[in-house]
Structure formats: structure tokens, C-alpha cells
Amino acid sequence: MKTVEKRISVRAGDSAQFRNLTRLCVGTGRLDLALHGEYQRQLRAVQELCHFRYIRGHGIFSDQMGICRVHTDGEGRRRTEYCFTYLDRVMDAYLDCGLRPFLELGFMPAALTDSPNTLFYWNAHTAPPRELDEWTALVRATLAHLARRYGKKEVSDWPCEIWNEPNLPGFWENADKKKYLELYRATVGAVKDVLPDMRVGGPAICGGTGSQEWIADLLAFCRDEKVPVDFVTRHAYMAQTPERRGRYLYHRMSPVKDLIAEMCESRRIIDSFPEYRGIPMYKTEFNTSYSPFCPIHDTNLNAVTSAALLGSLGDVADGYSYWTFGDVFEEQGIPSRPFHGGFGMMANGLIPKPTLWAFTFFSKLQGEPVYRDDCAVLVRREDGGYEGVLWNLCEDGDRDLEITLCLPMEGEAAALMERVDEKTCNPLRAWHEMGEPADLDPEQLSFLRAAGQPAAETLAAQVREGTAVIRLEMEKNALVHLRVLPVRREKDEGYDYSYYCGE
């Protein structure tokens, strides 16, 4: 394998363009999964590391949440009742974790549609309502309940997205754009009736032929019909044509630059409307593969690909949400193995996957950006040190990467590194070498959790003539969190480190 040498030099006063929105939002599956204990444990573990602000998931109105109940009374009249028991439990759990919902209004309660159009094994109803008035009554009642329970000001701060991927016929019957626009108009009206300050947007499209036209058509509709639109949403996945093996999908991935170019085109379309130039664009789902059974999600490759995206997405989006935080996820059935290619940053059994650390590391980068390229982001800390994330994504062939980092510093410095690579933080490989057991005993589970932790080590930081020089070696698919900190020695009289350690 070839070795590439790279030198990164930062000078005093340097600055770089980097907008870090990693903490804004994270994705989840359908909302009623939040009633599971394992879901709650994974969410708390991820949130403790990443500190997300919002969480977005499907199915607030799906039958599993039990909100909408329709029956016929003794006189043969149709009656609708609303039950918010599960909704309250889910919202309470999110708020207890320091999260707010990024509301996605969907899918359709079975009682409100005559269509058999469903999706997933749990039968998400994805057709328009029989009567728009029944749908808007549901929206009003739900938002009014949330405002009473959590406060109008609080709930008004929750962004509200109308439907999910209506440009795909599975998610919206026949991908009928006209009916979606009708639903959008009616839903926005219902939302603003209850919470005038709530921000509302769409169309939450996913990539594919003609998907960009949905953005243009929604904005033209809102402009011409005087319908509010506070932000635009879309999704982005990198997977090319799949190869199927059993229930699993395997893909080649598009380059990172292609996904960024797709986002730039969406931004260009939005800004081509004078009325909407500059309004926020949120990428409310992104990942490598769109399949919950694609093994890339369990790998170090997924982690460094995510790092490369996190380094660039702030250039083209006002927020982005990784799909998803954990592997309690059931679109295509209940996962039967700890590693199965699930979307999550954390595998079932509280096993951290390498991708979790990409988000953890980026969530820590809160200083002034001083350097950025296609394999590194560095920020200057308030204490005069530096912090960075570096990665070795090999899109054009495998390579090792040797980086020499030169930073302006005076005095003594310490370089603290957390490293995630295929040797030091690779629970998938450990599971494979165990024989890929479907059921883990306590000893195996404990080992895999430990195998999912980054290696922590120090690097030599030589400071000469006002420059700290650090050298690090990164193998294929390596991800590094680096802190270079000024050292202020605090001697304890009589304590001699070198007496036993020989230094």
C-alpha cells in the first residue's frame, strides 16, 4: 500500500471557512420505537457524547402511536377521538434527554384513508387522506395538545416538516405532486392556525430523477398561492445501484463531492426565487446507503465517509441530520443480529460503531476554524491550543497517510489523540472473528463494547521557534481526534515520574 505524506501548516492569524452544524439534529426510526428500553439506553448513550439539539423520525400519526381513533356511534355517525398517551411518553423521553423534536407530520392513520398503499412491514399508510378536513383536524388537535402540555413558546420552536419523501411512490401514493401540494397547503394552514410562529417546510424529497424539480415546484406553488414556507428540506444518500445478497444490499458509493454538488444545485434552485433567496435548507436525512441492511454502516469506512461529509455540509446546508442514531429500527423487520448493516451509530447491545466517534469528535469542534481541507478540520481553542478531526478516506485507492502538523505555539505543548481505525476501534471485525454469533453472551457483549472504544494516546509535540510540530500516521479508514494543548507544569514536591518510568 502506498504512503502519502502531507504537511499542514497553520500560521498565526489564519482562518478557514467551516460551519459546524453537527449538533443540530439526528434521525431515528418511527417514533413509537422510543417506547423500547433498548432505544432509550442507546439514545442516552449517544446524546451524552454528541449533544444533539433536535431529533427527527417517522410516523407520528401512524397507527402504532394510537393518536387517531375513529368509530361509529350508536346512531351510525362517524366519530373521531384522539389519544395522546404514547405521544406524551415519546416527547417526555426526548425532552428528558435534552432533545426537541424536529416534527415530521406523517404518515396517514388507516382510518383516514381508503387506499391500501402501505410501506414497511409495519404497514405505514402513505396515501392522501379521504378528506383533507379530517387530516387538518388531526394536525390542529395534536399541536394544540403539545402546546398545552409543553408550552406554546416551547413547541413553536420545534421545526415542522410536512411528510417524508413524497417524490417516491412508496412514501406517497403514485408520487402525486399535485396531491402533495394540496396536502402541504392544508397542513401549513392548520399548523399556523394553532402556532403562528412555528416554522414549517418541505418537501423532504430524496434524490432521484426529477427530485430537484419538486423543490422548484413547491416554491413556485407557495409563491403563487401565497402559502407559507419557512425552510426547504431534502435527503441525500451516496449509494449507487445495489447488488443484493440475501436480504443485504451492497453498493459502490458516489464521491463526497458529488453529494455536495447535489446539495449546491438544490441551494441554487432555492435562491433562484427572489422571494426565498437565503431561506434555510435542511438535509433532514443523510447517510451512505439508504438500506437498513447494508453492511457499510457497521464499518470504519462509514465513519471516515461521515467525517468527510461533516467537514463540508455546512457549506451548502443550514442543518443536517444523520439517519439514524441507533439500530432499534424496523422498516424491513426486527434485526436478529448485533451487526446487520443498520443505519445506527450504535449497534444493539450498546456497542458503539466507528461512525459514532465521527459525530462525537465533530461535536467537540467549537473553536475558531483555522484550517480545512478534504481530510482535516482544525480550530483554535480559547486556551491557546488547537483541536481537530483528521481522516483518511481512500476514494481513489488505498493509501496510508503521514501528516506533519505545524501549529503556532509558545512554550511546552501536549498532543492528545483519540484514534479510530480498523485495528484499534473495530467491533465489527471482533464480532466477525468470534464467528458472527447471532446471540451474544455477556462476555462477548462486554468485549465488543470495549472493542468499540477509541485508542487514547499522546504524541510527541516538539515546540521550536514558536511552532509545535506533531507527526501522525493514519492507515486506511483511520479517524483521529487531536488536541494540542499548552502545558503548564504543576510539580508535586517529591513526586518523581522518571524514578520508575525511566524518562
Protein backbone atom coordinates (compact mmCIF):
# COMPACT_ATOMS: atom_id res chain seq x y z
CA MET A 1 0.00 0.00 0.00
CA LYS A 2 1.38 3.40 -0.91
CA THR A 3 2.11 6.06 1.68
CA VAL A 4 1.19 9.69 1.06
CA GLU A 5 2.98 12.41 3.00
CA LYS A 6 1.07 15.58 3.82
CA ARG A 7 2.15 18.74 5.59
CA ILE A 8 -0.39 21.04 7.27
CA SER A 9 0.99 24.41 8.34
CA VAL A 10 -1.09 26.93 10.27
CA ARG A 11 0.16 30.48 10.82
CA ALA A 12 -0.88 32.96 13.47
CA GLY A 13 -3.98 34.79 12.26
CA ASP A 14 -5.05 32.08 9.80
CA SER A 15 -8.76 31.42 9.40
CA ALA A 16 -10.82 28.93 7.44
CA GLN A 17 -14.40 28.50 6.30
CA PHE A 18 -16.09 25.81 8.36
CA ARG A 19 -19.64 25.89 9.69
CA ASN A 20 -20.09 23.08 12.17
CA LEU A 21 -23.76 22.11 12.48
CA THR A 22 -23.13 18.56 13.67
CA ARG A 23 -25.12 19.03 16.87
CA LEU A 24 -28.28 20.40 15.25
CA CYS A 25 -30.25 17.20 14.57
CA VAL A 26 -30.13 13.42 14.42
CA GLY A 27 -32.55 10.92 12.93
CA THR A 28 -34.49 7.99 14.33
CA GLY A 29 -36.95 5.40 13.07
CA ARG A 30 -40.67 5.53 13.71
CA LEU A 31 -41.48 7.36 16.91
CA ASP A 32 -43.16 4.56 18.85
CA LEU A 33 -39.82 2.72 18.98
CA ALA A 34 -38.92 5.27 21.66
CA LEU A 35 -41.12 3.21 23.99
CA HIS A 36 -38.45 0.45 23.99
CA GLY A 37 -35.90 0.29 26.79
CA GLU A 38 -33.02 -0.51 24.43
CA TYR A 39 -33.92 2.52 22.32
CA GLN A 40 -33.80 4.75 25.39
CA ARG A 41 -30.44 3.35 26.50
CA GLN A 42 -28.92 3.90 23.05
CA LEU A 43 -30.33 7.40 22.79
CA ARG A 44 -28.94 8.45 26.16
CA ALA A 45 -25.52 6.98 25.38
CA VAL A 46 -25.31 8.76 22.02
CA GLN A 47 -26.68 12.02 23.37
CA GLU A 48 -24.17 12.06 26.21
CA LEU A 49 -21.39 12.11 23.61
CA CYS A 50 -22.89 14.18 20.78
CA HIS A 51 -25.29 16.67 22.41
CA PHE A 52 -27.80 16.93 19.56
CA ARG A 53 -30.48 19.63 19.75
CA TYR A 54 -33.28 18.04 17.69
CA ILE A 55 -34.38 14.54 16.74
CA ARG A 56 -36.44 13.68 13.65
CA GLY A 57 -38.36 10.48 12.99
CA HIS A 58 -41.29 8.98 11.09
CA GLY A 59 -44.78 8.02 11.97
CA ILE A 60 -46.14 10.48 14.49
CA PHE A 61 -49.63 9.73 13.07
CA SER A 62 -49.07 6.06 12.23
CA ASP A 63 -51.40 3.59 13.89
CA GLN A 64 -48.65 2.34 16.23
CA MET A 65 -48.78 5.73 18.01
CA GLY A 66 -52.52 5.32 18.52
CA ILE A 67 -53.39 9.02 18.26
CA CYS A 68 -56.32 8.89 15.83
CA ARG A 69 -59.31 6.69 16.70
CA VAL A 70 -62.43 6.59 14.55
CA HIS A 71 -65.59 4.68 15.43
CA THR A 72 -69.30 4.66 14.68
CA ASP A 73 -71.62 5.66 17.49
CA GLY A 74 -74.97 4.07 18.37
CA GLU A 75 -76.76 6.24 15.79
CA GLY A 76 -74.41 5.26 12.96
CA ARG A 77 -72.49 8.53 12.96
CA ARG A 78 -68.71 8.61 12.40
CA ARG A 79 -66.84 9.83 15.48
CA THR A 80 -63.17 10.74 15.79
CA GLU A 81 -61.27 10.74 19.07
CA TYR A 82 -57.64 11.49 19.82
CA CYS A 83 -55.41 9.66 22.30
CA PHE A 84 -52.04 11.23 23.14
CA THR A 85 -50.78 8.70 25.68
CA TYR A 86 -47.90 7.36 23.58
CA LEU A 87 -47.12 10.76 22.10
CA ASP A 88 -46.63 12.20 25.59
CA ARG A 89 -44.33 9.34 26.59
CA VAL A 90 -42.19 9.80 23.48
CA MET A 91 -41.97 13.58 23.78
CA ASP A 92 -41.20 13.35 27.52
CA ALA A 93 -38.37 10.90 26.79
CA TYR A 94 -36.84 13.21 24.18
CA LEU A 95 -37.04 16.28 26.38
CA ASP A 96 -35.56 14.35 29.30
CA CYS A 97 -32.54 13.65 27.06
CA GLY A 98 -32.14 17.32 26.19
CA LEU A 99 -33.68 16.85 22.74
CA ARG A 100 -36.52 18.61 20.98
CA PRO A 101 -38.47 17.01 18.12
CA PHE A 102 -37.99 18.11 14.54
CA LEU A 103 -41.57 17.17 13.71
CA GLU A 104 -42.30 15.21 10.57
CA LEU A 105 -46.06 15.19 10.00
CA GLY A 106 -46.93 11.73 8.67
CA PHE A 107 -47.85 9.02 7.98
CA MET A 108 -51.62 8.67 7.48
CA PRO A 109 -53.81 6.96 10.09
CA ALA A 110 -55.51 3.98 8.45
CA ALA A 111 -58.91 5.32 9.50
CA LEU A 112 -58.41 8.50 7.43
CA THR A 113 -57.67 6.90 4.08
CA ASP A 114 -59.39 4.40 1.77
CA SER A 115 -56.19 3.49 -0.06
CA PRO A 116 -54.33 0.20 0.55
CA ASN A 117 -50.99 1.94 -0.20
CA THR A 118 -48.67 0.92 2.64
CA LEU A 119 -44.94 0.68 3.24
CA PHE A 120 -42.66 -1.36 5.50
CA TYR A 121 -43.54 -4.49 7.41
CA TRP A 122 -45.45 -2.42 9.99
CA ASN A 123 -47.80 -1.04 7.32
CA ALA A 124 -47.18 2.68 7.26
CA HIS A 125 -50.13 4.18 5.37
CA THR A 126 -48.71 6.51 2.76
CA ALA A 127 -51.74 7.72 0.80
CA PRO A 128 -53.59 11.03 0.91
CA PRO A 129 -56.47 11.41 3.36
CA ARG A 130 -60.01 10.62 2.39
CA GLU A 131 -60.98 14.12 3.47
CA LEU A 132 -58.46 16.91 3.98
CA ASP A 133 -60.62 18.31 6.78
CA GLU A 134 -60.13 15.13 8.82
CA TRP A 135 -56.36 15.39 8.36
CA THR A 136 -56.16 19.06 9.30
CA ALA A 137 -58.33 18.46 12.36
CA LEU A 138 -55.82 15.82 13.46
CA VAL A 139 -52.91 18.21 12.95
CA ARG A 140 -54.62 21.02 14.88
CA ALA A 141 -55.61 18.75 17.76
CA THR A 142 -52.11 17.31 18.07
CA LEU A 143 -50.31 20.65 18.04
CA ALA A 144 -52.82 22.18 20.44
CA HIS A 145 -52.25 19.27 22.84
CA LEU A 146 -48.47 19.66 22.63
CA ALA A 147 -48.76 23.41 23.23
CA ARG A 148 -50.89 22.83 26.33
CA ARG A 149 -48.52 20.22 27.71
CA TYR A 150 -45.15 21.81 26.94
CA GLY A 151 -46.00 25.47 26.40
CA LYS A 152 -46.79 27.40 23.25
CA LYS A 153 -43.38 29.09 23.15
CA GLU A 154 -41.52 25.80 23.53
CA VAL A 155 -43.47 23.91 20.86
CA SER A 156 -43.27 26.85 18.45
CA ASP A 157 -39.50 26.31 18.43
CA TRP A 158 -39.90 22.79 17.03
CA PRO A 159 -39.43 22.82 13.23
CA CYS A 160 -42.27 21.12 11.37
CA GLU A 161 -41.74 19.18 8.12
CA ILE A 162 -44.68 18.04 6.02
CA TRP A 163 -44.47 14.37 5.03
CA ASN A 164 -41.45 12.28 4.03
CA GLU A 165 -40.09 11.66 0.51
CA PRO A 166 -43.32 12.29 -1.42
CA ASN A 167 -41.38 12.05 -4.69
CA LEU A 168 -41.15 8.27 -4.11
CA PRO A 169 -44.36 6.29 -4.81
CA GLY A 170 -43.80 4.04 -1.80
CA PHE A 171 -43.83 7.01 0.57
CA TRP A 172 -46.64 8.93 -1.19
CA GLU A 173 -49.15 7.17 -3.40
CA ASN A 174 -48.14 7.44 -7.06
CA ALA A 175 -45.69 10.21 -6.07
CA ASP A 176 -48.59 12.51 -6.92
CA LYS A 177 -47.13 16.00 -6.78
CA LYS A 178 -50.46 17.80 -7.18
CA LYS A 179 -51.97 15.97 -4.21
CA TYR A 180 -48.84 16.62 -2.15
CA LEU A 181 -49.08 20.34 -2.82
CA GLU A 182 -52.73 20.25 -1.74
CA LEU A 183 -51.73 18.44 1.43
CA TYR A 184 -48.92 20.92 2.03
CA ARG A 185 -51.22 23.94 1.71
CA ALA A 186 -53.87 22.48 4.01
CA THR A 187 -51.32 21.34 6.58
CA VAL A 188 -49.46 24.65 6.72
CA GLY A 189 -52.77 26.39 7.32
CA ALA A 190 -53.59 24.04 10.19
CA VAL A 191 -50.15 24.47 11.77
CA LYS A 192 -50.21 28.26 11.56
CA ASP A 193 -53.77 28.37 12.94
CA VAL A 194 -52.55 26.78 16.17
CA LEU A 195 -48.94 28.01 16.33
CA PRO A 196 -48.37 31.03 14.07
CA ASP A 197 -44.64 31.17 14.92
CA MET A 198 -43.91 27.51 14.19
CA ARG A 199 -41.54 27.13 11.24
CA VAL A 200 -42.92 24.85 8.52
CA GLY A 201 -41.34 23.42 5.38
CA GLY A 202 -40.87 20.58 2.93
CA PRO A 203 -40.88 18.75 0.54
CA ALA A 204 -38.43 16.28 2.18
CA ILE A 205 -37.57 14.76 -1.18
CA CYS A 206 -34.98 12.05 -1.69
CA GLY A 207 -32.60 12.02 -4.65
CA GLY A 208 -33.53 10.55 -7.98
CA THR A 209 -34.68 11.59 -11.41
CA GLY A 210 -36.72 14.76 -11.21
CA SER A 211 -36.28 15.21 -7.47
CA GLN A 212 -34.87 18.72 -7.78
CA GLU A 213 -37.99 19.75 -9.71
CA TRP A 214 -40.04 19.09 -6.57
CA ILE A 215 -38.18 21.87 -4.78
CA ALA A 216 -38.78 24.32 -7.60
CA ASP A 217 -42.43 23.32 -7.93
CA LEU A 218 -43.10 23.63 -4.19
CA LEU A 219 -41.58 27.11 -4.09
CA ALA A 220 -43.46 28.22 -7.20
CA PHE A 221 -46.69 26.90 -5.69
CA CYS A 222 -46.10 28.68 -2.38
CA ARG A 223 -45.23 31.91 -4.16
CA ASP A 224 -48.24 31.84 -6.47
CA GLU A 225 -50.75 30.61 -3.87
CA LYS A 226 -49.37 32.76 -1.02
CA VAL A 227 -48.68 29.65 1.10
CA PRO A 228 -46.03 29.95 3.85
CA VAL A 229 -42.74 28.07 3.50
CA ASP A 230 -40.12 28.79 6.15
CA PHE A 231 -37.46 26.32 5.04
CA VAL A 232 -36.76 23.65 2.42
CA THR A 233 -35.85 20.06 3.24
CA ARG A 234 -34.34 17.24 1.26
CA HIS A 235 -32.44 13.98 1.81
CA ALA A 236 -29.15 12.69 0.45
CA TYR A 237 -27.65 9.23 0.17
CA MET A 238 -24.47 8.18 -1.61
CA ALA A 239 -25.39 4.65 -2.69
CA GLN A 240 -25.26 3.72 -6.36
CA THR A 241 -27.03 0.76 -8.00
CA PRO A 242 -27.20 -2.05 -5.43
CA GLU A 243 -26.10 -5.65 -5.56
CA ARG A 244 -28.39 -7.87 -3.49
CA ARG A 245 -27.15 -10.85 -1.47
CA GLY A 246 -29.97 -12.37 0.54
CA ARG A 247 -31.60 -9.52 2.45
CA TYR A 248 -28.47 -7.38 2.27
CA LEU A 249 -27.59 -4.64 -0.21
CA TYR A 250 -24.08 -3.70 -1.29
CA HIS A 251 -23.24 -0.55 -3.26
CA ARG A 252 -20.42 1.46 -4.60
CA MET A 253 -20.64 4.95 -3.11
CA SER A 254 -20.68 8.20 -5.01
CA PRO A 255 -17.80 10.53 -4.18
CA VAL A 256 -18.36 13.05 -1.42
CA LYS A 257 -18.01 15.88 -3.93
CA ASP A 258 -20.97 14.54 -5.93
CA LEU A 259 -23.26 14.64 -2.91
CA ILE A 260 -22.11 18.19 -2.13
CA ALA A 261 -22.74 19.17 -5.76
CA GLU A 262 -26.28 17.81 -5.50
CA MET A 263 -26.86 19.97 -2.42
CA CYS A 264 -25.41 23.00 -4.22
CA GLU A 265 -27.93 22.53 -7.02
CA SER A 266 -30.78 22.49 -4.51
CA ARG A 267 -29.43 25.70 -2.98
CA ARG A 268 -29.19 27.27 -6.43
CA ILE A 269 -32.82 26.41 -7.17
CA ILE A 270 -34.00 27.93 -3.89
CA ASP A 271 -32.01 31.10 -4.43
CA SER A 272 -33.34 31.46 -7.98
CA PHE A 273 -36.61 32.59 -6.35
CA PRO A 274 -36.14 36.18 -5.11
CA GLU A 275 -38.84 35.61 -2.50
CA TYR A 276 -36.96 32.67 -0.99
CA ARG A 277 -33.32 33.58 -1.53
CA GLY A 278 -31.38 32.64 1.57
CA ILE A 279 -34.13 30.73 3.43
CA PRO A 280 -32.76 27.73 5.33
CA MET A 281 -32.20 24.41 3.59
CA TYR A 282 -32.06 21.39 5.89
CA LYS A 283 -30.83 17.96 4.91
CA THR A 284 -33.14 16.03 7.23
CA GLU A 285 -31.64 12.66 6.30
CA PHE A 286 -28.20 11.66 5.09
CA ASN A 287 -26.08 8.55 5.13
CA THR A 288 -24.05 6.36 2.80
CA SER A 289 -26.64 3.68 1.91
CA TYR A 290 -30.42 4.11 2.06
CA SER A 291 -30.86 0.49 3.19
CA PRO A 292 -31.08 -0.62 6.85
CA PHE A 293 -29.42 -3.85 5.76
CA CYS A 294 -26.23 -2.52 4.14
CA PRO A 295 -23.07 -3.66 5.95
CA ILE A 296 -21.18 -0.44 5.19
CA HIS A 297 -22.99 1.18 8.13
CA ASP A 298 -21.08 -1.05 10.56
CA THR A 299 -17.62 -0.18 9.19
CA ASN A 300 -14.74 2.23 9.67
CA LEU A 301 -15.28 3.25 6.03
CA ASN A 302 -18.67 4.63 7.02
CA ALA A 303 -17.04 6.63 9.82
CA VAL A 304 -14.48 8.37 7.62
CA THR A 305 -17.07 8.99 4.90
CA SER A 306 -19.27 10.63 7.52
CA ALA A 307 -16.30 12.71 8.69
CA ALA A 308 -15.66 13.92 5.15
CA LEU A 309 -19.32 14.93 4.86
CA LEU A 310 -19.35 16.69 8.23
CA GLY A 311 -16.35 18.69 7.07
CA SER A 312 -18.28 20.07 4.08
CA LEU A 313 -22.03 20.00 4.67
CA GLY A 314 -22.12 23.34 6.47
CA ASP A 315 -21.10 24.99 3.20
CA VAL A 316 -24.34 24.01 1.49
CA ALA A 317 -26.93 23.35 4.20
CA ASP A 318 -28.24 25.13 7.27
CA GLY A 319 -28.60 21.84 9.13
CA TYR A 320 -28.18 18.13 8.57
CA SER A 321 -29.41 15.03 10.33
CA TYR A 322 -27.69 11.65 10.21
CA TRP A 323 -30.05 8.73 9.66
CA THR A 324 -30.00 7.33 12.43
CA PHE A 325 -28.59 7.46 15.99
CA GLY A 326 -29.23 3.77 16.82
CA ASP A 327 -30.10 0.33 15.48
CA VAL A 328 -33.53 -0.01 17.12
CA PHE A 329 -35.07 0.33 13.69
CA GLU A 330 -37.64 -1.83 11.94
CA GLU A 331 -38.51 -0.73 8.41
CA GLN A 332 -37.78 -4.17 6.99
CA GLY A 333 -38.31 -6.25 10.09
CA ILE A 334 -36.77 -6.70 13.51
CA PRO A 335 -32.96 -7.10 13.31
CA SER A 336 -31.86 -10.52 14.50
CA ARG A 337 -28.10 -9.95 14.85
CA PRO A 338 -25.99 -7.32 16.61
CA PHE A 339 -24.36 -6.35 13.29
CA HIS A 340 -26.73 -6.34 10.31
CA GLY A 341 -25.91 -3.14 8.41
CA GLY A 342 -28.31 -0.99 10.41
CA PHE A 343 -28.28 2.77 10.00
CA GLY A 344 -27.36 3.49 13.60
CA MET A 345 -24.22 4.91 15.16
CA MET A 346 -24.71 2.33 17.91
CA ALA A 347 -25.44 -1.36 17.46
CA ASN A 348 -27.98 -3.18 19.58
CA GLY A 349 -26.45 -4.16 22.89
CA LEU A 350 -24.95 -0.67 23.31
CA ILE A 351 -22.00 -1.48 21.06
CA PRO A 352 -20.51 1.73 19.64
CA LYS A 353 -19.87 1.67 15.91
CA PRO A 354 -16.97 3.69 14.44
CA THR A 355 -19.39 6.27 12.98
CA LEU A 356 -20.43 7.32 16.49
CA TRP A 357 -16.95 8.71 17.02
CA ALA A 358 -17.07 10.81 13.85
CA PHE A 359 -20.05 12.64 15.29
CA THR A 360 -18.56 12.75 18.79
CA PHE A 361 -15.32 14.24 17.52
CA PHE A 362 -17.01 16.84 15.33
CA SER A 363 -19.40 17.82 18.11
CA LYS A 364 -16.34 18.95 20.11
CA LEU A 365 -15.03 21.33 17.43
CA GLN A 366 -16.43 24.59 18.79
CA GLY A 367 -13.45 26.93 18.41
CA GLU A 368 -12.36 29.34 15.66
CA PRO A 369 -11.68 27.48 12.39
CA VAL A 370 -8.08 27.90 11.20
CA TYR A 371 -7.68 25.12 8.61
CA ARG A 372 -9.82 22.85 6.46
CA ASP A 373 -9.24 20.58 3.50
CA ASP A 374 -10.55 17.22 2.28
CA CYS A 375 -9.01 15.28 5.17
CA ALA A 376 -8.82 17.66 8.14
CA VAL A 377 -10.56 20.41 10.09
CA LEU A 378 -8.68 22.38 12.77
CA VAL A 379 -9.96 25.00 15.20
CA ARG A 380 -8.19 27.29 17.66
CA ARG A 381 -9.28 26.84 21.27
CA GLU A 382 -9.85 29.57 23.81
CA ASP A 383 -6.93 28.29 25.90
CA GLY A 384 -4.49 28.92 23.03
CA GLY A 385 -4.34 25.31 21.90
CA TYR A 386 -5.81 23.60 18.87
CA GLU A 387 -8.34 20.86 18.25
CA GLY A 388 -9.01 18.94 15.09
CA VAL A 389 -10.53 15.97 13.33
CA LEU A 390 -8.49 14.22 10.65
CA TRP A 391 -9.47 11.27 8.47
CA ASN A 392 -8.09 9.07 5.72
CA LEU A 393 -10.90 8.36 3.25
CA CYS A 394 -9.46 6.48 0.28
CA GLU A 395 -11.89 7.18 -2.57
CA ASP A 396 -9.22 6.75 -5.27
CA GLY A 397 -7.34 3.71 -4.00
CA ASP A 398 -5.96 2.58 -0.65
CA ARG A 399 -3.19 4.59 0.99
CA ASP A 400 -1.56 5.28 4.31
CA LEU A 401 -1.37 8.94 5.26
CA GLU A 402 1.55 10.51 7.13
CA ILE A 403 0.72 14.02 8.33
CA THR A 404 3.14 16.59 9.69
CA LEU A 405 1.21 19.27 11.54
CA CYS A 406 2.81 22.65 12.26
CA LEU A 407 0.96 24.97 14.66
CA PRO A 408 1.95 28.37 16.10
CA MET A 409 2.51 27.88 19.85
CA GLU A 410 4.90 29.07 22.54
CA GLY A 411 6.21 27.02 25.40
CA GLU A 412 5.62 23.35 26.05
CA ALA A 413 2.73 21.53 24.31
CA ALA A 414 0.99 18.19 24.69
CA ALA A 415 -0.69 16.37 21.79
CA LEU A 416 -3.58 14.13 22.90
CA MET A 417 -5.02 11.80 20.28
CA GLU A 418 -8.07 9.55 20.10
CA ARG A 419 -7.76 7.15 17.19
CA VAL A 420 -10.42 5.08 15.43
CA ASP A 421 -9.22 2.70 12.74
CA GLU A 422 -9.59 -0.87 11.58
CA LYS A 423 -7.09 -2.13 14.17
CA THR A 424 -7.92 -0.11 17.29
CA CYS A 425 -11.68 0.51 17.15
CA ASN A 426 -13.41 -2.07 15.01
CA PRO A 427 -16.09 -4.05 16.84
CA LEU A 428 -17.33 -5.44 13.53
CA ARG A 429 -14.04 -7.23 12.95
CA ALA A 430 -14.06 -8.56 16.52
CA TRP A 431 -17.59 -9.92 16.00
CA HIS A 432 -16.53 -11.49 12.70
CA GLU A 433 -13.56 -13.20 14.35
CA MET A 434 -15.88 -14.51 17.09
CA GLY A 435 -17.75 -16.35 14.34
CA GLU A 436 -20.51 -13.72 13.84
CA PRO A 437 -22.73 -15.04 16.66
CA ALA A 438 -26.39 -14.14 16.35
CA ASP A 439 -26.79 -14.10 20.14
CA LEU A 440 -24.09 -12.65 22.35
CA ASP A 441 -23.29 -13.99 25.79
CA PRO A 442 -22.33 -11.41 28.46
CA GLU A 443 -18.60 -11.98 27.94
CA GLN A 444 -18.83 -11.43 24.18
CA LEU A 445 -21.01 -8.36 24.62
CA SER A 446 -18.60 -6.81 27.11
CA PHE A 447 -15.69 -7.43 24.76
CA LEU A 448 -17.45 -5.88 21.76
CA ARG A 449 -18.33 -2.77 23.75
CA ALA A 450 -14.66 -2.42 24.68
CA ALA A 451 -13.61 -3.08 21.07
CA GLY A 452 -15.77 -0.12 20.04
CA GLN A 453 -13.76 2.42 22.04
CA PRO A 454 -11.12 4.72 20.50
CA ALA A 455 -7.47 4.27 21.37
CA ALA A 456 -6.23 7.15 23.54
CA GLU A 457 -2.56 8.09 23.28
CA THR A 458 -0.17 11.02 23.38
CA LEU A 459 2.10 12.15 20.55
CA ALA A 460 5.38 13.98 20.74
CA ALA A 461 4.86 17.70 20.29
CA GLN A 462 8.15 19.46 19.71
CA VAL A 463 7.96 23.25 20.03
CA ARG A 464 10.75 25.20 18.38
CA GLU A 465 10.85 28.87 17.47
CA GLY A 466 7.14 29.33 18.15
CA THR A 467 5.94 26.28 16.19
CA ALA A 468 4.66 22.99 17.55
CA VAL A 469 5.36 20.06 15.22
CA ILE A 470 3.30 16.87 15.51
CA ARG A 471 3.57 13.84 13.29
CA LEU A 472 0.87 11.22 12.99
CA GLU A 473 0.36 8.16 10.85
CA MET A 474 -3.09 7.20 9.62
CA GLU A 475 -3.91 3.90 7.97
CA LYS A 476 -6.77 3.39 5.54
CA ASN A 477 -10.13 4.44 7.04
CA ALA A 478 -8.49 5.98 10.10
CA LEU A 479 -10.23 8.77 12.01
CA VAL A 480 -8.43 10.92 14.59
CA HIS A 481 -9.48 13.47 17.18
CA LEU A 482 -6.45 15.57 18.11
CA ARG A 483 -5.98 18.19 20.81
CA VAL A 484 -2.73 20.17 21.03
CA LEU A 485 -2.72 21.93 24.37
CA PRO A 486 -0.34 24.29 26.15
CA VAL A 487 1.30 22.59 29.12
CA ARG A 488 1.51 24.32 32.48
CA ARG A 489 3.51 22.06 34.80
CA GLU A 490 2.31 21.76 38.40
CA LYS A 491 5.03 19.95 40.31
CA ASP A 492 4.24 17.98 43.45
CA GLU A 493 7.29 18.19 45.73
CA GLY A 494 8.91 14.76 45.97
CA TYR A 495 6.94 13.09 43.17
CA ASP A 496 9.45 11.84 40.59
CA TYR A 497 7.82 10.46 37.43
CA SER A 498 11.19 9.38 35.98
CA TYR A 499 12.19 7.27 39.00
CA TYR A 500 10.25 4.22 37.76
CA CYS A 501 9.34 5.24 34.22
CA GLY A 502 12.91 5.95 33.17
CA GLU A 503 12.33 9.24 31.37
